[in-house]
Amino acid sequence: LAWSPVYTIAEDKAPLTAALWSPVVFGENNELSHMLVLGHRDGEVSLYRVMQHASSSTRYNTQEVDELDDVTEECERLHSEDIVYPMDEDLLYSGGAGGEDPSRYLHHDPNDSPSCSSSSTARASTRHMHRINSDSDRSLCGGEEGWGVSAPQLLLSFKGHQSPVTSLAITNNGLMLATGSIRSENGLVNVWSLQNGSLLQTLLGGGGGITGLVWAGGYGVVICQNNTQKVLLLRLGTAEYENIKMVAWCRQLLHSWGLAGLQHTPALRGLCTHLPQLLHKQYSMEKTAVSNSEQLVHSVFLQQLVSLSLLLQLDHLLCLRSKPLHCPLQLTVTEWSWLEKGCMCVRVA
């Protein structure tokens, strides 16, 4: 059988240097939603949604579930906790001799924040998730049979490298993407959120170009470089993701407004980190008083916290469970339903 193209992505972008399928596929009504990640020569990364019509002849090694357990169970547990812990700054471990301080490789510079652009995403409901165990399980041959009619949709594009992106790695739950370049002189590795495209972590390994990136389960990302025999492990699992996604999103939003240097304002950074905790505790304190008519409305302090959350667009992070961008499912967090209603009323007003 001859190979024939299923889709052709003809975008006005730099030539491709890397490509990777997301291991998580969502679907409903015989339609599967895939995510394709492409790395470009100019350091840009593009995310595409590719739709496929599932058929009995499609060769998948999948397991159907009623809920998005792998993605949402841990997130639900984290959202149920009252305290949001800040991320430990010493998250990097290096193997090999030398006794070097691994924390010196950590680097955060919002002034170098990447550019990020997004397009609208579909908002439909789904009830099933499929997990692809390997790229060989995808049936791409046989022409266009089994594949959808719509062309791939560009979801996000962001740029965080000055050299070609040659290494890509996605977590098993599809929420984080690690990128690197073999031509990098300082061992730059970026870790992105596939929920909204924000930059979660930047690592300067100092060992030359990146030759390989692999996620070690839910613990972190393993990094190999061409000028050193060391293997670096950046601890960045689901728990750390939930803790730092607020600050990462705020940094990206402020940068889009022309405001940079969040690392030089510890008070503002601390407020962004602990804002969910402040909101939850203040609302819990006032809920009984308002319900018992001891006070007619909530305090000005809580109203100001909600206004700040609305300004920073944090309601979509707090009120909805974490999910990859190509998933159309919107699962609300019961704990934050009051904030969702409040933000909706403010927007309507």
Protein backbone atom coordinates (compact mmCIF):
# COMPACT_ATOMS: atom_id res chain seq x y z
CA LEU A 1 0.00 0.00 0.00
CA ALA A 2 1.28 3.44 -0.89
CA TRP A 3 1.45 6.15 1.73
CA SER A 4 -0.84 9.10 1.16
CA PRO A 5 -1.13 12.32 3.20
CA VAL A 6 -4.07 12.66 5.57
CA TYR A 7 -3.64 16.39 6.13
CA THR A 8 -1.24 19.01 4.87
CA ILE A 9 -0.42 21.86 7.26
CA ALA A 10 0.57 24.82 5.14
CA GLU A 11 1.22 27.68 7.53
CA ASP A 12 3.39 30.73 6.97
CA LYS A 13 5.97 29.57 9.50
CA ALA A 14 9.62 28.56 9.61
CA PRO A 15 10.60 25.02 8.49
CA LEU A 16 9.89 22.17 10.90
CA THR A 17 12.62 20.69 13.09
CA ALA A 18 10.58 18.47 15.46
CA ALA A 19 7.11 16.94 15.76
CA LEU A 20 5.32 15.05 18.53
CA TRP A 21 1.82 13.70 19.19
CA SER A 22 0.25 14.25 22.60
CA PRO A 23 -0.26 10.92 24.45
CA VAL A 24 -3.79 11.96 25.44
CA VAL A 25 -6.71 11.81 22.99
CA PHE A 26 -10.25 12.93 23.75
CA GLY A 27 -13.34 11.85 21.89
CA GLU A 28 -17.09 11.55 21.68
CA ASN A 29 -19.55 10.36 19.04
CA ASN A 30 -16.84 8.58 17.04
CA GLU A 31 -14.72 11.72 16.81
CA LEU A 32 -11.28 11.82 18.40
CA SER A 33 -9.37 14.99 19.17
CA HIS A 34 -5.57 14.73 18.85
CA MET A 35 -2.91 17.31 19.63
CA LEU A 36 0.13 17.67 17.35
CA VAL A 37 3.11 19.70 18.60
CA LEU A 38 5.51 21.12 16.02
CA GLY A 39 8.92 22.72 16.61
CA HIS A 40 10.28 25.26 14.12
CA ARG A 41 13.71 26.40 13.02
CA ASP A 42 13.20 29.92 14.41
CA GLY A 43 12.50 28.61 17.95
CA GLU A 44 8.71 28.75 17.70
CA VAL A 45 6.41 25.95 18.86
CA SER A 46 2.94 25.38 17.37
CA LEU A 47 0.07 23.34 18.79
CA TYR A 48 -2.59 21.92 16.47
CA ARG A 49 -5.85 20.08 17.09
CA VAL A 50 -6.35 17.24 14.61
CA MET A 51 -9.78 15.60 14.46
CA GLN A 52 -10.30 11.96 13.47
CA HIS A 53 -13.43 9.91 12.89
CA ALA A 54 -12.96 6.69 14.84
CA SER A 55 -13.87 3.44 13.12
CA SER A 56 -13.72 -0.24 13.89
CA SER A 57 -10.64 -0.58 11.70
CA THR A 58 -8.67 2.08 13.60
CA ARG A 59 -5.90 0.38 15.53
CA TYR A 60 -5.85 1.88 19.02
CA ASN A 61 -4.51 0.52 22.26
CA THR A 62 -6.92 2.51 24.43
CA GLN A 63 -9.05 2.26 27.55
CA GLU A 64 -12.38 4.06 27.72
CA VAL A 65 -13.34 5.72 31.00
CA ASP A 66 -16.45 7.61 32.11
CA GLU A 67 -14.48 10.51 33.54
CA LEU A 68 -11.12 12.05 32.78
CA ASP A 69 -9.62 10.23 35.76
CA ASP A 70 -5.95 10.41 34.85
CA VAL A 71 -6.10 14.15 34.28
CA THR A 72 -8.58 15.31 36.91
CA GLU A 73 -8.36 13.06 39.99
CA GLU A 74 -5.15 14.60 41.29
CA CYS A 75 -6.34 18.08 40.34
CA GLU A 76 -9.61 17.55 42.21
CA ARG A 77 -7.69 16.53 45.32
CA LEU A 78 -5.46 19.59 45.08
CA HIS A 79 -8.40 21.94 44.52
CA SER A 80 -10.10 20.52 47.62
CA GLU A 81 -7.23 21.66 49.85
CA ASP A 82 -7.47 25.02 51.56
CA ILE A 83 -3.81 25.98 51.21
CA VAL A 84 -1.93 26.61 47.99
CA TYR A 85 1.73 26.00 48.71
CA PRO A 86 4.34 28.00 46.79
CA MET A 87 6.71 26.01 44.62
CA ASP A 88 10.02 25.05 46.19
CA GLU A 89 12.75 27.05 44.48
CA ASP A 90 15.25 24.18 44.79
CA LEU A 91 13.66 21.77 42.34
CA LEU A 92 16.64 20.72 40.29
CA TYR A 93 18.79 17.67 40.93
CA SER A 94 21.88 16.81 38.94
CA GLY A 95 23.65 13.48 38.72
CA GLY A 96 27.38 12.94 38.56
CA ALA A 97 30.39 14.18 40.46
CA GLY A 98 31.36 17.72 41.20
CA GLY A 99 29.17 18.65 44.16
CA GLU A 100 27.78 21.66 42.33
CA ASP A 101 24.84 23.56 43.71
CA PRO A 102 21.99 22.56 41.39
CA SER A 103 19.90 25.60 42.27
CA ARG A 104 22.26 27.83 40.32
CA TYR A 105 20.89 26.35 37.12
CA LEU A 106 17.41 27.69 37.81
CA HIS A 107 16.53 30.81 35.90
CA HIS A 108 13.42 32.96 35.90
CA ASP A 109 13.40 36.10 33.81
CA PRO A 110 10.00 37.51 32.86
CA ASN A 111 11.81 40.09 30.75
CA ASP A 112 12.60 37.20 28.41
CA SER A 113 9.06 35.87 28.53
CA PRO A 114 8.08 34.21 25.25
CA SER A 115 5.48 35.54 22.93
CA CYS A 116 2.26 33.57 22.89
CA SER A 117 -0.79 33.78 20.65
CA SER A 118 -3.95 31.70 20.83
CA SER A 119 -7.01 31.01 18.78
CA SER A 120 -10.51 30.19 19.96
CA THR A 121 -11.10 26.65 21.14
CA ALA A 122 -14.20 24.53 20.82
CA ARG A 123 -16.45 24.25 23.84
CA ALA A 124 -18.34 20.99 23.49
CA SER A 125 -18.95 18.22 25.99
CA THR A 126 -17.24 14.86 25.95
CA ARG A 127 -17.43 11.76 28.09
CA HIS A 128 -14.53 9.59 27.07
CA MET A 129 -10.76 9.77 27.08
CA HIS A 130 -8.38 7.59 25.12
CA ARG A 131 -4.71 7.12 25.93
CA ILE A 132 -2.29 6.31 23.12
CA ASN A 133 0.58 4.16 24.39
CA SER A 134 2.84 4.68 21.40
CA ASP A 135 2.92 6.48 18.08
CA SER A 136 2.90 3.11 16.33
CA ASP A 137 -0.65 2.58 17.55
CA ARG A 138 -1.92 5.43 15.39
CA SER A 139 -3.34 4.37 12.07
CA LEU A 140 -2.14 6.97 9.59
CA CYS A 141 -1.93 4.88 6.44
CA GLY A 142 -4.67 4.02 3.98
CA GLY A 143 -5.46 7.50 2.69
CA GLU A 144 -8.13 9.64 4.32
CA GLU A 145 -10.34 6.82 5.57
CA GLY A 146 -11.21 7.27 9.22
CA TRP A 147 -9.98 10.85 9.42
CA GLY A 148 -12.13 13.94 9.81
CA VAL A 149 -12.96 16.41 7.07
CA SER A 150 -11.94 19.56 8.95
CA ALA A 151 -8.37 20.75 8.63
CA PRO A 152 -6.02 20.91 11.64
CA GLN A 153 -6.75 23.88 13.87
CA LEU A 154 -3.95 26.05 15.27
CA LEU A 155 -4.54 26.31 19.01
CA LEU A 156 -1.40 28.06 20.25
CA SER A 157 1.96 29.28 19.08
CA PHE A 158 4.73 30.52 21.34
CA LYS A 159 8.43 31.23 21.07
CA GLY A 160 11.00 30.72 23.82
CA HIS A 161 14.17 29.70 21.96
CA GLN A 162 16.62 31.55 19.75
CA SER A 163 17.72 28.33 18.01
CA PRO A 164 15.75 25.52 16.31
CA VAL A 165 13.53 23.43 18.60
CA THR A 166 14.79 19.86 18.27
CA SER A 167 13.54 18.16 21.47
CA LEU A 168 9.91 17.87 22.58
CA ALA A 169 8.41 15.92 25.49
CA ILE A 170 4.82 15.85 26.82
CA THR A 171 3.67 14.53 30.19
CA ASN A 172 1.40 11.48 30.31
CA ASN A 173 -1.55 13.65 31.39
CA GLY A 174 -0.94 16.06 28.51
CA LEU A 175 -0.66 19.15 30.71
CA MET A 176 3.03 20.08 30.32
CA LEU A 177 5.43 20.36 27.40
CA ALA A 178 9.23 20.51 27.66
CA THR A 179 11.21 22.00 24.76
CA GLY A 180 14.93 22.24 24.03
CA SER A 181 17.44 22.77 21.23
CA ILE A 182 20.58 20.84 20.39
CA ARG A 183 22.16 24.11 19.21
CA SER A 184 21.64 25.83 22.54
CA GLU A 185 24.88 27.05 24.12
CA ASN A 186 23.55 27.38 27.66
CA GLY A 187 21.37 24.26 27.88
CA LEU A 188 18.09 26.15 27.81
CA VAL A 189 14.97 24.06 28.56
CA ASN A 190 11.49 25.58 28.73
CA VAL A 191 8.50 23.89 30.34
CA TRP A 192 5.13 25.12 29.08
CA SER A 193 1.54 24.70 30.22
CA LEU A 194 -0.57 22.97 27.58
CA GLN A 195 -3.62 24.34 29.37
CA ASN A 196 -3.05 27.96 28.29
CA GLY A 197 0.46 28.20 26.81
CA SER A 198 2.09 29.98 29.77
CA LEU A 199 5.75 29.42 30.59
CA LEU A 200 5.99 27.39 33.80
CA GLN A 201 9.72 26.94 34.26
CA THR A 202 12.98 27.90 32.56
CA LEU A 203 16.17 25.95 33.14
CA LEU A 204 19.73 26.88 32.17
CA GLY A 205 21.70 23.64 32.48
CA GLY A 206 25.00 25.09 31.29
CA GLY A 207 26.06 21.85 29.61
CA GLY A 208 25.53 22.71 25.97
CA GLY A 209 22.78 21.68 23.58
CA ILE A 210 19.82 19.51 24.59
CA THR A 211 20.03 16.02 23.11
CA GLY A 212 17.06 14.43 24.87
CA LEU A 213 14.03 15.20 27.05
CA VAL A 214 11.94 12.52 28.78
CA TRP A 215 9.30 12.86 31.47
CA ALA A 216 9.89 10.52 34.43
CA GLY A 217 6.27 9.65 35.14
CA GLY A 218 4.68 12.30 37.30
CA TYR A 219 7.91 13.27 39.04
CA GLY A 220 9.78 15.49 36.60
CA VAL A 221 11.65 15.81 33.32
CA VAL A 222 15.00 14.15 32.60
CA ILE A 223 17.44 16.26 30.56
CA CYS A 224 20.48 15.12 28.57
CA GLN A 225 23.07 17.51 27.09
CA ASN A 226 25.86 17.06 24.59
CA ASN A 227 28.71 18.70 26.54
CA THR A 228 28.37 16.86 29.82
CA GLN A 229 27.94 13.34 31.15
CA LYS A 230 25.48 14.52 33.77
CA VAL A 231 21.78 13.76 33.61
CA LEU A 232 19.62 16.50 35.09
CA LEU A 233 16.23 15.91 36.69
CA LEU A 234 13.88 18.86 37.04
CA ARG A 235 11.22 18.00 39.58
CA LEU A 236 7.97 19.26 38.14
CA GLY A 237 5.01 16.94 38.65
CA THR A 238 1.25 17.44 38.83
CA ALA A 239 1.40 18.90 42.35
CA GLU A 240 4.05 21.45 41.37
CA TYR A 241 2.08 22.31 38.24
CA GLU A 242 -1.01 23.18 40.25
CA ASN A 243 1.08 25.34 42.58
CA ILE A 244 2.88 27.44 39.97
CA LYS A 245 0.30 27.74 37.20
CA MET A 246 -1.22 30.86 38.80
CA VAL A 247 2.06 32.79 38.86
CA ALA A 248 2.95 31.56 35.36
CA TRP A 249 -0.36 32.77 33.97
CA CYS A 250 -0.14 36.13 35.78
CA ARG A 251 3.39 36.66 34.44
CA GLN A 252 2.25 35.99 30.88
CA LEU A 253 -0.80 38.23 31.21
CA LEU A 254 1.19 41.10 32.72
CA HIS A 255 3.81 40.72 30.01
CA SER A 256 1.09 41.02 27.35
CA TRP A 257 0.14 44.32 29.00
CA GLY A 258 3.74 45.53 28.73
CA LEU A 259 4.56 44.87 32.40
CA ALA A 260 7.68 42.79 33.03
CA GLY A 261 9.96 42.01 35.97
CA LEU A 262 7.62 40.05 38.24
CA GLN A 263 10.66 38.48 39.90
CA HIS A 264 11.66 41.95 41.16
CA THR A 265 8.32 42.48 42.94
CA PRO A 266 8.12 39.80 45.65
CA ALA A 267 4.98 41.33 47.15
CA LEU A 268 3.03 41.12 43.87
CA ARG A 269 4.40 37.65 43.18
CA GLY A 270 3.36 36.52 46.65
CA LEU A 271 -0.11 37.98 46.15
CA CYS A 272 -0.54 36.09 42.87
CA THR A 273 0.67 32.89 44.55
CA HIS A 274 -1.57 33.09 47.61
CA LEU A 275 -4.61 34.79 46.05
CA PRO A 276 -6.59 31.51 45.80
CA GLN A 277 -5.92 30.81 49.48
CA LEU A 278 -7.00 34.33 50.48
CA LEU A 279 -10.18 34.06 48.41
CA HIS A 280 -11.14 30.69 49.83
CA LYS A 281 -10.53 31.58 53.48
CA GLN A 282 -12.25 34.98 53.29
CA TYR A 283 -15.31 33.53 51.56
CA SER A 284 -15.52 30.69 54.11
CA MET A 285 -15.43 33.22 56.95
CA GLU A 286 -18.20 35.37 55.49
CA LYS A 287 -20.43 32.66 54.03
CA THR A 288 -22.16 31.83 57.32
CA ALA A 289 -22.68 35.48 58.25
CA VAL A 290 -24.28 36.31 54.89
CA SER A 291 -26.42 33.14 54.95
CA ASN A 292 -27.69 33.98 58.48
CA SER A 293 -28.40 37.61 57.48
CA GLU A 294 -25.86 38.86 59.98
CA GLN A 295 -24.47 40.97 57.15
CA LEU A 296 -26.29 41.89 53.97
CA VAL A 297 -23.39 41.67 51.53
CA HIS A 298 -19.84 40.40 51.50
CA SER A 299 -17.06 42.64 52.76
CA VAL A 300 -15.28 45.18 50.59
CA PHE A 301 -12.07 43.19 51.09
CA LEU A 302 -13.58 40.07 49.50
CA GLN A 303 -15.10 42.15 46.71
CA GLN A 304 -11.66 43.59 45.95
CA LEU A 305 -10.09 40.12 45.93
CA VAL A 306 -12.74 38.92 43.47
CA SER A 307 -12.18 42.01 41.30
CA LEU A 308 -8.43 41.30 41.25
CA SER A 309 -9.09 37.69 40.29
CA LEU A 310 -11.36 38.85 37.50
CA LEU A 311 -8.77 41.36 36.29
CA LEU A 312 -6.09 38.64 36.18
CA GLN A 313 -8.57 36.20 34.58
CA LEU A 314 -7.92 33.62 37.29
CA ASP A 315 -11.48 32.33 37.32
CA HIS A 316 -10.80 30.00 34.37
CA LEU A 317 -7.91 28.45 36.32
CA LEU A 318 -9.70 28.14 39.66
CA CYS A 319 -13.24 27.30 38.55
CA LEU A 320 -12.33 24.74 35.85
CA ARG A 321 -10.32 21.57 36.25
CA SER A 322 -6.95 21.42 34.56
CA LYS A 323 -7.06 19.83 31.12
CA PRO A 324 -5.05 19.91 27.88
CA LEU A 325 -5.99 22.61 25.41
CA HIS A 326 -7.34 20.21 22.78
CA CYS A 327 -9.91 18.78 25.22
CA PRO A 328 -13.32 20.46 24.69
CA LEU A 329 -14.61 19.24 28.05
CA GLN A 330 -15.25 21.87 30.74
CA LEU A 331 -15.46 20.36 34.23
CA THR A 332 -16.22 22.87 36.96
CA VAL A 333 -14.80 22.70 40.48
CA THR A 334 -17.67 22.72 42.96
CA GLU A 335 -15.58 24.45 45.59
CA TRP A 336 -15.19 27.52 43.37
CA SER A 337 -18.72 27.66 41.93
CA TRP A 338 -19.40 30.85 43.91
CA LEU A 339 -16.46 32.59 42.23
CA GLU A 340 -17.62 31.47 38.80
CA LYS A 341 -21.10 32.89 39.41
CA GLY A 342 -19.69 36.12 40.81
CA CYS A 343 -17.34 36.68 37.86
CA MET A 344 -20.16 35.91 35.43
CA CYS A 345 -22.40 38.50 37.08
CA VAL A 346 -19.65 41.13 36.94
CA ARG A 347 -19.03 40.44 33.23
CA VAL A 348 -22.74 40.66 32.43
CA ALA A 349 -23.13 43.87 34.43
